[in-house]
Amino acid sequence: MNCMQSFKVKKSQTNSMISMGFVTVVIGIVMGISIGNYMFIGFGLFYLIIGLLQVDKEIIKLYANYLEIKAAPAARTVLVKYEDVRQIEVKSAKKIFMHCEINGESKRVRLPMTLLTNEDQGEFMESLRAKTQLS
């Protein structure tokens, strides 16, 4: 099935992870040379890898009958049919939950709004409300 609409991770999120990775690697090298402790190099490489994996990554995809959410490289993919969404709970601008009934079981799915730009957040919520026919 073809993706009708997708939303990518905002650039500031990936840039901050990559920058933090470089800084941590440099601190690790300096600490390694000065006191013999190279521990921070591993943390820096971890942040670099996660940041690079997130560049231009589509975290939310909208299809004709369902949506797909994969917020992080190691996170599981969440597939939700629009007809299964019972409620959209907005706790704050960045904390939004979908209450769904999947296979007779009630589930609460957090939407990764902090990873989207403000424009994408509005566009995604508008599309989600239209497809689920909820206000």
Foldseek 3Di string as FASTA:
>chain_A
DDFPDFFAFDPVVLVVLLVQLVVQLVVLVVCCVPPNGNVSNVVSVVSNVQSVVRVRDTQWTHDLFWIWGDPGPPGDIDIDGLQQFDDWDDPDLQWIWTWGQDPNRTDIHTDRSVRGDPVVSVVVVVVSCVSSVHD
